[in-house]
Each structure stands twice: as C-alpha cells, then as structure tokens.
Amino acid sequence: MIDRVNPLALARAAILPAACVTVMGYFAFHAISGNAGLIAWQGYKTERAAVDADAAKVGAVKATLQRQVALLDPHHVDKDYADERVRRDLGVVGPNEVIIPLPDAK
C-alpha cells in the first residue's frame, strides 16, 4: 500500500528550514558584498593608503609652516627671513641688486 503524503503537512515541515536557509543566505551575501563585506574591505584598504599619503603631505606642509612661523616670532625675528618675505611680497628691490629668477619648487 502506498502512503499518501499530505501536501499541507509537507509545507509546514519545510517552512522553518527554508526560512533558516533564507536568513543564512541573506547574511552570507552581505558578508561578501555588503557595505562592510569582503569586497568593500579591499576598497577601504586602497582608500586608507591614499588618505595616509595625503596625511604625510599635509604633515610636511605643516612642518614647513611651523618653521616659518617660528622664524617670524615677534620676540626674536630672523632678519634674513623677514627681509626675504618683504622683498618677495612687496616686490622691493634695491638699485644695486640683481634678480635671478628660479623655477618654482613644488
């Protein structure tokens, strides 16, 4: 004799495993390709390297500016640096001076 399987009972028995597989698939998908997934992680590493390079450049500019500020301290001004700044900013040149233009150092 052949036992007949009740389709409604079969559906009820399959609901919980199907829901669990669906939830696990959702989390697996987002673990690989979500905002914080493995694929995005590689992009974050690239961005981090670019930000670190920019930070190093900004640190070098900051060090240069701090040195220039220290040379222009009101309590002890470096006279050579102050003279250089005045001549460059105001375009003041003495009658017996020769100007040698240099390429901009960048």
N, C-alpha and C. Protein backbone atom coordinates (compact mmCIF):
# COMPACT_ATOMS: atom_id res chain seq x y z
N MET A 1 0.82 -1.16 0.00
CA MET A 1 0.00 0.00 0.00
C MET A 1 0.88 1.25 0.00
N ILE A 2 0.46 2.22 -0.74
CA ILE A 2 1.22 3.47 -0.86
C ILE A 2 0.64 4.49 0.12
N ASP A 3 1.53 5.07 0.93
CA ASP A 3 1.09 6.13 1.84
C ASP A 3 1.08 7.46 1.10
N ARG A 4 0.03 8.15 1.24
CA ARG A 4 -0.06 9.47 0.62
C ARG A 4 0.45 10.51 1.60
N VAL A 5 1.27 11.42 1.08
CA VAL A 5 1.83 12.48 1.92
C VAL A 5 0.91 13.68 1.80
N ASN A 6 0.54 14.20 2.92
CA ASN A 6 -0.32 15.37 2.93
C ASN A 6 0.53 16.59 2.53
N PRO A 7 0.19 17.27 1.42
CA PRO A 7 0.98 18.42 0.97
C PRO A 7 1.03 19.54 1.99
N LEU A 8 -0.02 19.75 2.73
CA LEU A 8 -0.05 20.80 3.75
C LEU A 8 0.93 20.48 4.88
N ALA A 9 1.01 19.26 5.29
CA ALA A 9 1.94 18.86 6.35
C ALA A 9 3.38 18.98 5.85
N LEU A 10 3.60 18.66 4.57
CA LEU A 10 4.93 18.78 3.99
C LEU A 10 5.37 20.25 3.93
N ALA A 11 4.45 21.14 3.57
CA ALA A 11 4.75 22.58 3.52
C ALA A 11 5.06 23.11 4.91
N ARG A 12 4.28 22.67 5.89
CA ARG A 12 4.51 23.12 7.27
C ARG A 12 5.88 22.66 7.77
N ALA A 13 6.28 21.47 7.40
CA ALA A 13 7.57 20.95 7.84
C ALA A 13 8.73 21.65 7.14
N ALA A 14 8.51 22.20 5.95
CA ALA A 14 9.58 22.83 5.18
C ALA A 14 9.73 24.33 5.46
N ILE A 15 8.77 24.93 6.12
CA ILE A 15 8.81 26.39 6.35
C ILE A 15 10.01 26.80 7.20
N LEU A 16 10.22 26.17 8.33
CA LEU A 16 11.33 26.56 9.22
C LEU A 16 12.70 26.37 8.56
N PRO A 17 12.99 25.22 7.95
CA PRO A 17 14.30 25.09 7.28
C PRO A 17 14.47 26.09 6.13
N ALA A 18 13.41 26.34 5.39
CA ALA A 18 13.51 27.29 4.28
C ALA A 18 13.78 28.70 4.80
N ALA A 19 13.14 29.07 5.90
CA ALA A 19 13.37 30.39 6.49
C ALA A 19 14.81 30.50 7.00
N CYS A 20 15.31 29.44 7.61
CA CYS A 20 16.70 29.46 8.11
C CYS A 20 17.70 29.58 6.96
N VAL A 21 17.47 28.86 5.87
CA VAL A 21 18.37 28.94 4.71
C VAL A 21 18.31 30.34 4.10
N THR A 22 17.13 30.93 4.05
CA THR A 22 16.98 32.28 3.51
C THR A 22 17.73 33.30 4.37
N VAL A 23 17.61 33.22 5.67
CA VAL A 23 18.31 34.15 6.58
C VAL A 23 19.82 33.96 6.47
N MET A 24 20.27 32.71 6.41
CA MET A 24 21.71 32.47 6.27
C MET A 24 22.22 32.99 4.92
N GLY A 25 21.45 32.85 3.87
CA GLY A 25 21.84 33.38 2.57
C GLY A 25 21.92 34.89 2.58
N TYR A 26 20.98 35.54 3.26
CA TYR A 26 20.99 37.00 3.38
C TYR A 26 22.28 37.47 4.06
N PHE A 27 22.60 36.86 5.19
CA PHE A 27 23.81 37.28 5.91
C PHE A 27 25.08 36.93 5.14
N ALA A 28 25.10 35.81 4.45
CA ALA A 28 26.28 35.44 3.66
C ALA A 28 26.48 36.42 2.51
N PHE A 29 25.41 36.81 1.86
CA PHE A 29 25.50 37.79 0.76
C PHE A 29 26.09 39.10 1.27
N HIS A 30 25.57 39.61 2.38
CA HIS A 30 26.06 40.88 2.91
C HIS A 30 27.47 40.77 3.51
N ALA A 31 27.86 39.59 3.96
CA ALA A 31 29.22 39.41 4.46
C ALA A 31 30.23 39.49 3.32
N ILE A 32 29.81 39.16 2.12
CA ILE A 32 30.72 39.21 0.98
C ILE A 32 30.63 40.53 0.23
N SER A 33 29.41 41.00 -0.06
CA SER A 33 29.29 42.17 -0.92
C SER A 33 28.54 43.33 -0.28
N GLY A 34 28.38 43.36 1.00
CA GLY A 34 27.71 44.47 1.67
C GLY A 34 28.65 45.65 1.89
N ASN A 35 28.17 46.66 2.59
CA ASN A 35 28.97 47.86 2.86
C ASN A 35 30.24 47.54 3.63
N ALA A 36 30.20 46.56 4.48
CA ALA A 36 31.38 46.18 5.26
C ALA A 36 31.82 44.77 4.91
N GLY A 37 31.51 44.31 3.71
CA GLY A 37 31.85 42.96 3.28
C GLY A 37 33.29 42.86 2.80
N LEU A 38 33.61 41.66 2.34
CA LEU A 38 34.98 41.39 1.90
C LEU A 38 35.37 42.21 0.68
N ILE A 39 34.44 42.41 -0.24
CA ILE A 39 34.75 43.19 -1.45
C ILE A 39 34.97 44.65 -1.09
N ALA A 40 34.13 45.21 -0.23
CA ALA A 40 34.28 46.60 0.18
C ALA A 40 35.54 46.80 1.01
N TRP A 41 35.96 45.78 1.73
CA TRP A 41 37.15 45.88 2.58
C TRP A 41 38.38 46.18 1.75
N GLN A 42 38.48 45.57 0.57
CA GLN A 42 39.63 45.83 -0.31
C GLN A 42 39.64 47.30 -0.75
N GLY A 43 38.46 47.84 -1.06
CA GLY A 43 38.37 49.26 -1.43
C GLY A 43 38.76 50.17 -0.28
N TYR A 44 38.39 49.78 0.93
CA TYR A 44 38.74 50.58 2.10
C TYR A 44 40.24 50.61 2.32
N LYS A 45 40.91 49.49 2.04
CA LYS A 45 42.37 49.45 2.19
C LYS A 45 43.03 50.40 1.20
N THR A 46 42.51 50.47 -0.03
CA THR A 46 43.05 51.37 -1.05
C THR A 46 42.82 52.83 -0.63
N GLU A 47 41.61 53.12 -0.17
CA GLU A 47 41.32 54.48 0.28
C GLU A 47 42.19 54.86 1.47
N ARG A 48 42.45 53.93 2.36
CA ARG A 48 43.27 54.20 3.54
C ARG A 48 44.69 54.56 3.13
N ALA A 49 45.23 53.86 2.13
CA ALA A 49 46.58 54.17 1.65
C ALA A 49 46.62 55.57 1.05
N ALA A 50 45.58 55.96 0.31
CA ALA A 50 45.54 57.31 -0.28
C ALA A 50 45.43 58.36 0.82
N VAL A 51 44.63 58.10 1.83
CA VAL A 51 44.48 59.07 2.94
C VAL A 51 45.79 59.19 3.72
N ASP A 52 46.48 58.08 3.92
CA ASP A 52 47.77 58.13 4.62
C ASP A 52 48.80 58.94 3.82
N ALA A 53 48.78 58.80 2.50
CA ALA A 53 49.70 59.57 1.66
C ALA A 53 49.37 61.06 1.75
N ASP A 54 48.08 61.40 1.73
CA ASP A 54 47.68 62.79 1.86
C ASP A 54 48.07 63.34 3.23
N ALA A 55 47.91 62.53 4.26
CA ALA A 55 48.27 62.96 5.61
C ALA A 55 49.77 63.24 5.71
N ALA A 56 50.59 62.44 5.04
CA ALA A 56 52.03 62.68 5.05
C ALA A 56 52.37 64.01 4.36
N LYS A 57 51.69 64.29 3.24
CA LYS A 57 51.92 65.56 2.54
C LYS A 57 51.50 66.75 3.41
N VAL A 58 50.35 66.62 4.04
CA VAL A 58 49.86 67.70 4.90
C VAL A 58 50.80 67.88 6.09
N GLY A 59 51.34 66.79 6.62
CA GLY A 59 52.29 66.89 7.73
C GLY A 59 53.56 67.62 7.31
N ALA A 60 54.02 67.39 6.09
CA ALA A 60 55.21 68.09 5.60
C ALA A 60 54.93 69.58 5.44
N VAL A 61 53.76 69.91 4.91
CA VAL A 61 53.39 71.33 4.75
C VAL A 61 53.26 71.98 6.13
N LYS A 62 52.68 71.26 7.06
CA LYS A 62 52.52 71.80 8.42
C LYS A 62 53.88 72.07 9.06
N ALA A 63 54.83 71.16 8.88
CA ALA A 63 56.17 71.36 9.45
C ALA A 63 56.84 72.58 8.84
N THR A 64 56.67 72.76 7.53
CA THR A 64 57.25 73.93 6.86
C THR A 64 56.63 75.22 7.39
N LEU A 65 55.33 75.24 7.53
CA LEU A 65 54.66 76.43 8.05
C LEU A 65 55.04 76.71 9.50
N GLN A 66 55.19 75.67 10.30
CA GLN A 66 55.60 75.88 11.69
C GLN A 66 57.01 76.47 11.76
N ARG A 67 57.89 76.01 10.87
CA ARG A 67 59.24 76.56 10.84
C ARG A 67 59.21 78.04 10.44
N GLN A 68 58.37 78.38 9.45
CA GLN A 68 58.27 79.77 9.02
C GLN A 68 57.67 80.65 10.11
N VAL A 69 56.69 80.14 10.82
CA VAL A 69 56.09 80.90 11.92
C VAL A 69 57.13 81.12 13.02
N ALA A 70 57.93 80.10 13.29
CA ALA A 70 58.96 80.25 14.32
C ALA A 70 59.99 81.30 13.92
N LEU A 71 60.28 81.40 12.62
CA LEU A 71 61.24 82.42 12.16
C LEU A 71 60.67 83.83 12.25
N LEU A 72 59.35 83.96 12.24
CA LEU A 72 58.71 85.28 12.33
C LEU A 72 58.15 85.57 13.72
N ASP A 73 58.61 84.85 14.72
CA ASP A 73 58.14 85.08 16.09
C ASP A 73 58.46 86.52 16.50
N PRO A 74 57.49 87.27 17.03
CA PRO A 74 57.71 88.68 17.36
C PRO A 74 58.83 88.92 18.39
N HIS A 75 59.13 87.93 19.22
CA HIS A 75 60.15 88.11 20.25
C HIS A 75 61.57 87.99 19.69
N HIS A 76 61.75 87.20 18.67
CA HIS A 76 63.08 87.07 18.04
C HIS A 76 62.89 86.73 16.56
N VAL A 77 62.76 87.77 15.76
CA VAL A 77 62.53 87.61 14.32
C VAL A 77 63.86 87.32 13.63
N ASP A 78 63.85 86.37 12.71
CA ASP A 78 65.02 86.11 11.87
C ASP A 78 65.05 87.19 10.80
N LYS A 79 66.04 88.04 10.85
CA LYS A 79 66.07 89.21 9.97
C LYS A 79 66.22 88.82 8.50
N ASP A 80 66.96 87.77 8.20
CA ASP A 80 67.13 87.36 6.81
C ASP A 80 65.79 86.85 6.24
N TYR A 81 65.08 86.08 7.03
CA TYR A 81 63.81 85.55 6.55
C TYR A 81 62.78 86.67 6.40
N ALA A 82 62.74 87.59 7.36
CA ALA A 82 61.81 88.73 7.26
C ALA A 82 62.12 89.56 6.02
N ASP A 83 63.41 89.79 5.75
CA ASP A 83 63.81 90.55 4.56
C ASP A 83 63.38 89.82 3.29
N GLU A 84 63.57 88.52 3.26
CA GLU A 84 63.15 87.72 2.10
C GLU A 84 61.65 87.82 1.87
N ARG A 85 60.86 87.74 2.94
CA ARG A 85 59.40 87.83 2.81
C ARG A 85 58.96 89.21 2.32
N VAL A 86 59.56 90.26 2.87
CA VAL A 86 59.18 91.62 2.46
C VAL A 86 59.52 91.83 1.00
N ARG A 87 60.69 91.42 0.58
CA ARG A 87 61.09 91.61 -0.82
C ARG A 87 60.20 90.79 -1.76
N ARG A 88 59.86 89.58 -1.38
CA ARG A 88 59.03 88.75 -2.25
C ARG A 88 57.59 89.26 -2.30
N ASP A 89 57.02 89.62 -1.15
CA ASP A 89 55.62 90.02 -1.12
C ASP A 89 55.40 91.43 -1.67
N LEU A 90 56.31 92.34 -1.40
CA LEU A 90 56.14 93.72 -1.84
C LEU A 90 56.87 94.05 -3.13
N GLY A 91 57.75 93.18 -3.56
CA GLY A 91 58.48 93.43 -4.79
C GLY A 91 59.52 94.54 -4.64
N VAL A 92 60.08 94.69 -3.47
CA VAL A 92 61.08 95.74 -3.22
C VAL A 92 62.46 95.22 -3.60
N VAL A 93 63.14 95.97 -4.47
CA VAL A 93 64.49 95.59 -4.91
C VAL A 93 65.36 96.83 -4.84
N GLY A 94 66.55 96.65 -4.29
CA GLY A 94 67.48 97.78 -4.23
C GLY A 94 68.07 98.08 -5.61
N PRO A 95 68.61 99.30 -5.80
CA PRO A 95 69.15 99.69 -7.10
C PRO A 95 70.41 98.91 -7.49
N ASN A 96 71.13 98.39 -6.55
CA ASN A 96 72.36 97.67 -6.87
C ASN A 96 72.21 96.16 -6.74
N GLU A 97 70.96 95.64 -6.76
CA GLU A 97 70.70 94.22 -6.61
C GLU A 97 70.34 93.60 -7.96
N VAL A 98 70.75 92.37 -8.14
CA VAL A 98 70.44 91.62 -9.35
C VAL A 98 69.45 90.52 -8.98
N ILE A 99 68.39 90.41 -9.77
CA ILE A 99 67.37 89.38 -9.51
C ILE A 99 67.61 88.20 -10.42
N ILE A 100 67.72 87.02 -9.82
CA ILE A 100 67.90 85.78 -10.58
C ILE A 100 66.65 84.95 -10.35
N PRO A 101 65.78 84.86 -11.37
CA PRO A 101 64.55 84.09 -11.17
C PRO A 101 64.85 82.58 -11.12
N LEU A 102 64.25 81.92 -10.17
CA LEU A 102 64.40 80.48 -10.01
C LEU A 102 63.06 79.81 -10.31
N PRO A 103 63.09 78.60 -10.83
CA PRO A 103 61.82 77.90 -11.07
C PRO A 103 61.15 77.59 -9.73
N ASP A 104 59.83 77.58 -9.74
CA ASP A 104 59.10 77.28 -8.51
C ASP A 104 59.38 75.85 -8.09
N ALA A 105 59.72 75.68 -6.84
CA ALA A 105 59.97 74.34 -6.28
C ALA A 105 58.65 73.82 -5.72
N LYS A 106 58.17 72.73 -6.30
CA LYS A 106 56.89 72.17 -5.82
C LYS A 106 57.07 70.76 -5.41
